[in-house]
Amino acid sequence: MTATAILKKEIENLTEETAAEVLDFVLFLGSRRVFAVPRTPKTPTVKSLFGSLPGLDTDIEKDRDEEEDRV
């Protein structure tokens, strides 16, 4: 059976009130417009991650200075 045939069969078994709600929903689906928005994946940058993890020290220069002191 196709999806349309199954829908028709199921709708015939509904009460008039429920069938009216289904009709409203189907009309809504037919009238809405879908806008295709091209989505480009945004890659996170180090700058955009600052502040996203509270309590995490994000001072890169401090880490470099500590590594240089160890050497």
N, C-alpha and C. Protein backbone atom coordinates (compact mmCIF):
# COMPACT_ATOMS: atom_id res chain seq x y z
N MET A 1 0.83 -1.19 0.00
CA MET A 1 0.00 0.00 0.00
C MET A 1 0.88 1.25 0.00
N THR A 2 0.39 2.26 -0.66
CA THR A 2 1.11 3.52 -0.65
C THR A 2 0.73 4.31 0.59
N ALA A 3 1.52 5.32 0.89
CA ALA A 3 1.25 6.16 2.06
C ALA A 3 -0.11 6.84 1.94
N THR A 4 -0.47 7.27 0.74
CA THR A 4 -1.76 7.93 0.54
C THR A 4 -2.91 6.97 0.82
N ALA A 5 -2.80 5.74 0.37
CA ALA A 5 -3.85 4.74 0.61
C ALA A 5 -3.98 4.43 2.09
N ILE A 6 -2.87 4.33 2.77
CA ILE A 6 -2.90 4.06 4.21
C ILE A 6 -3.55 5.23 4.95
N LEU A 7 -3.19 6.45 4.56
CA LEU A 7 -3.80 7.63 5.18
C LEU A 7 -5.31 7.65 4.98
N LYS A 8 -5.74 7.39 3.76
CA LYS A 8 -7.18 7.38 3.48
C LYS A 8 -7.90 6.36 4.34
N LYS A 9 -7.32 5.18 4.46
CA LYS A 9 -7.94 4.11 5.25
C LYS A 9 -8.03 4.51 6.72
N GLU A 10 -6.96 5.09 7.26
CA GLU A 10 -6.95 5.49 8.66
C GLU A 10 -7.89 6.66 8.93
N ILE A 11 -7.97 7.60 8.00
CA ILE A 11 -8.84 8.77 8.17
C ILE A 11 -10.31 8.35 8.16
N GLU A 12 -10.65 7.35 7.37
CA GLU A 12 -12.04 6.88 7.33
C GLU A 12 -12.50 6.33 8.67
N ASN A 13 -11.56 5.85 9.49
CA ASN A 13 -11.91 5.28 10.79
C ASN A 13 -12.00 6.33 11.89
N LEU A 14 -11.66 7.59 11.60
CA LEU A 14 -11.66 8.64 12.61
C LEU A 14 -13.05 9.25 12.78
N THR A 15 -13.23 9.89 13.93
CA THR A 15 -14.46 10.66 14.13
C THR A 15 -14.41 11.90 13.25
N GLU A 16 -15.56 12.54 13.06
CA GLU A 16 -15.62 13.74 12.22
C GLU A 16 -14.73 14.85 12.77
N GLU A 17 -14.71 15.01 14.09
CA GLU A 17 -13.90 16.07 14.70
C GLU A 17 -12.41 15.84 14.46
N THR A 18 -11.98 14.60 14.65
CA THR A 18 -10.58 14.26 14.45
C THR A 18 -10.21 14.35 12.98
N ALA A 19 -11.10 13.94 12.10
CA ALA A 19 -10.85 14.04 10.67
C ALA A 19 -10.71 15.50 10.25
N ALA A 20 -11.49 16.40 10.88
CA ALA A 20 -11.39 17.83 10.58
C ALA A 20 -10.02 18.36 11.00
N GLU A 21 -9.51 17.88 12.14
CA GLU A 21 -8.18 18.29 12.59
C GLU A 21 -7.11 17.79 11.62
N VAL A 22 -7.26 16.57 11.15
CA VAL A 22 -6.31 16.02 10.17
C VAL A 22 -6.34 16.85 8.90
N LEU A 23 -7.54 17.23 8.46
CA LEU A 23 -7.68 18.05 7.26
C LEU A 23 -6.98 19.40 7.45
N ASP A 24 -7.17 20.02 8.61
CA ASP A 24 -6.49 21.29 8.90
C ASP A 24 -4.98 21.13 8.81
N PHE A 25 -4.48 20.04 9.37
CA PHE A 25 -3.04 19.80 9.37
C PHE A 25 -2.51 19.57 7.95
N VAL A 26 -3.25 18.82 7.16
CA VAL A 26 -2.83 18.55 5.78
C VAL A 26 -2.83 19.85 4.97
N LEU A 27 -3.84 20.69 5.18
CA LEU A 27 -3.88 21.98 4.49
C LEU A 27 -2.71 22.87 4.92
N PHE A 28 -2.38 22.81 6.20
CA PHE A 28 -1.23 23.56 6.68
C PHE A 28 0.05 23.09 6.00
N LEU A 29 0.25 21.79 5.94
CA LEU A 29 1.45 21.25 5.30
C LEU A 29 1.54 21.65 3.84
N GLY A 30 0.40 21.70 3.16
CA GLY A 30 0.40 22.07 1.75
C GLY A 30 0.65 23.55 1.53
N SER A 31 0.36 24.39 2.53
CA SER A 31 0.50 25.83 2.33
C SER A 31 1.82 26.40 2.80
N ARG A 32 2.54 25.67 3.61
CA ARG A 32 3.79 26.24 4.15
C ARG A 32 4.87 26.23 3.07
N ARG A 33 5.76 27.19 3.21
CA ARG A 33 6.88 27.29 2.28
C ARG A 33 8.16 26.90 3.00
N VAL A 34 8.94 26.12 2.33
CA VAL A 34 10.21 25.70 2.89
C VAL A 34 11.30 26.49 2.18
N PHE A 35 12.06 27.22 2.97
CA PHE A 35 13.15 28.00 2.41
C PHE A 35 14.44 27.24 2.63
N ALA A 36 15.09 26.92 1.54
CA ALA A 36 16.36 26.21 1.63
C ALA A 36 17.47 27.23 1.87
N VAL A 37 18.05 27.14 3.04
CA VAL A 37 19.14 28.03 3.40
C VAL A 37 20.44 27.24 3.28
N PRO A 38 21.33 27.69 2.42
CA PRO A 38 22.60 26.96 2.32
C PRO A 38 23.36 27.10 3.63
N ARG A 39 23.71 25.98 4.18
CA ARG A 39 24.43 25.99 5.44
C ARG A 39 25.87 25.60 5.22
N THR A 40 26.74 26.48 5.60
CA THR A 40 28.16 26.16 5.53
C THR A 40 28.60 25.80 6.94
N PRO A 41 29.27 24.71 7.08
CA PRO A 41 29.69 24.32 8.43
C PRO A 41 30.67 25.34 8.98
N LYS A 42 30.35 25.84 10.16
CA LYS A 42 31.21 26.82 10.80
C LYS A 42 32.18 26.07 11.71
N THR A 43 33.44 26.22 11.40
CA THR A 43 34.44 25.56 12.22
C THR A 43 34.77 26.45 13.41
N PRO A 44 34.78 25.89 14.59
CA PRO A 44 35.08 26.70 15.76
C PRO A 44 36.54 27.16 15.74
N THR A 45 36.75 28.35 16.17
CA THR A 45 38.10 28.87 16.27
C THR A 45 38.46 28.99 17.74
N VAL A 46 39.73 29.12 17.99
CA VAL A 46 40.17 29.25 19.38
C VAL A 46 39.55 30.48 20.00
N LYS A 47 39.45 31.54 19.24
CA LYS A 47 38.88 32.78 19.74
C LYS A 47 37.42 32.59 20.12
N SER A 48 36.66 31.83 19.33
CA SER A 48 35.24 31.66 19.62
C SER A 48 35.01 30.75 20.81
N LEU A 49 36.02 29.99 21.23
CA LEU A 49 35.84 29.10 22.36
C LEU A 49 36.17 29.76 23.70
N PHE A 50 36.80 30.92 23.68
CA PHE A 50 37.12 31.60 24.92
C PHE A 50 35.84 31.93 25.67
N GLY A 51 35.81 31.64 26.93
CA GLY A 51 34.64 31.93 27.75
C GLY A 51 33.60 30.84 27.74
N SER A 52 33.77 29.85 26.88
CA SER A 52 32.75 28.79 26.83
C SER A 52 32.96 27.75 27.92
N LEU A 53 34.15 27.69 28.49
CA LEU A 53 34.43 26.75 29.58
C LEU A 53 34.88 27.54 30.80
N PRO A 54 33.95 27.94 31.66
CA PRO A 54 34.34 28.73 32.82
C PRO A 54 35.29 27.96 33.72
N GLY A 55 36.24 28.66 34.28
CA GLY A 55 37.21 28.03 35.16
C GLY A 55 38.42 27.50 34.44
N LEU A 56 38.40 27.46 33.13
CA LEU A 56 39.52 26.97 32.35
C LEU A 56 40.40 28.14 31.97
N ASP A 57 41.66 28.06 32.31
CA ASP A 57 42.59 29.14 32.00
C ASP A 57 42.92 29.08 30.52
N THR A 58 42.58 30.13 29.79
CA THR A 58 42.76 30.14 28.35
C THR A 58 43.87 31.09 27.91
N ASP A 59 44.74 31.44 28.81
CA ASP A 59 45.84 32.35 28.47
C ASP A 59 46.94 31.55 27.79
N ILE A 60 47.03 31.63 26.48
CA ILE A 60 48.00 30.85 25.71
C ILE A 60 49.41 31.33 25.99
N GLU A 61 49.59 32.63 26.08
CA GLU A 61 50.92 33.18 26.33
C GLU A 61 51.47 32.68 27.67
N LYS A 62 50.64 32.56 28.67
CA LYS A 62 51.07 32.07 29.98
C LYS A 62 51.62 30.64 29.86
N ASP A 63 50.91 29.80 29.09
CA ASP A 63 51.36 28.42 28.90
C ASP A 63 52.71 28.38 28.17
N ARG A 64 52.87 29.23 27.18
CA ARG A 64 54.15 29.27 26.44
C ARG A 64 55.29 29.72 27.34
N ASP A 65 55.04 30.72 28.17
CA ASP A 65 56.06 31.22 29.07
C ASP A 65 56.50 30.13 30.05
N GLU A 66 55.52 29.36 30.56
CA GLU A 66 55.86 28.29 31.51
C GLU A 66 56.68 27.20 30.82
N GLU A 67 56.38 26.89 29.57
CA GLU A 67 57.14 25.87 28.84
C GLU A 67 58.56 26.36 28.59
N GLU A 68 58.72 27.63 28.26
CA GLU A 68 60.06 28.18 28.01
C GLU A 68 60.90 28.18 29.28
N ASP A 69 60.27 28.44 30.43
CA ASP A 69 60.98 28.46 31.69
C ASP A 69 61.49 27.05 32.06
N ARG A 70 60.77 26.01 31.66
CA ARG A 70 61.16 24.65 31.98
C ARG A 70 62.38 24.21 31.16
N VAL A 71 62.52 24.74 29.99
CA VAL A 71 63.58 24.30 29.08
C VAL A 71 64.90 24.87 29.45
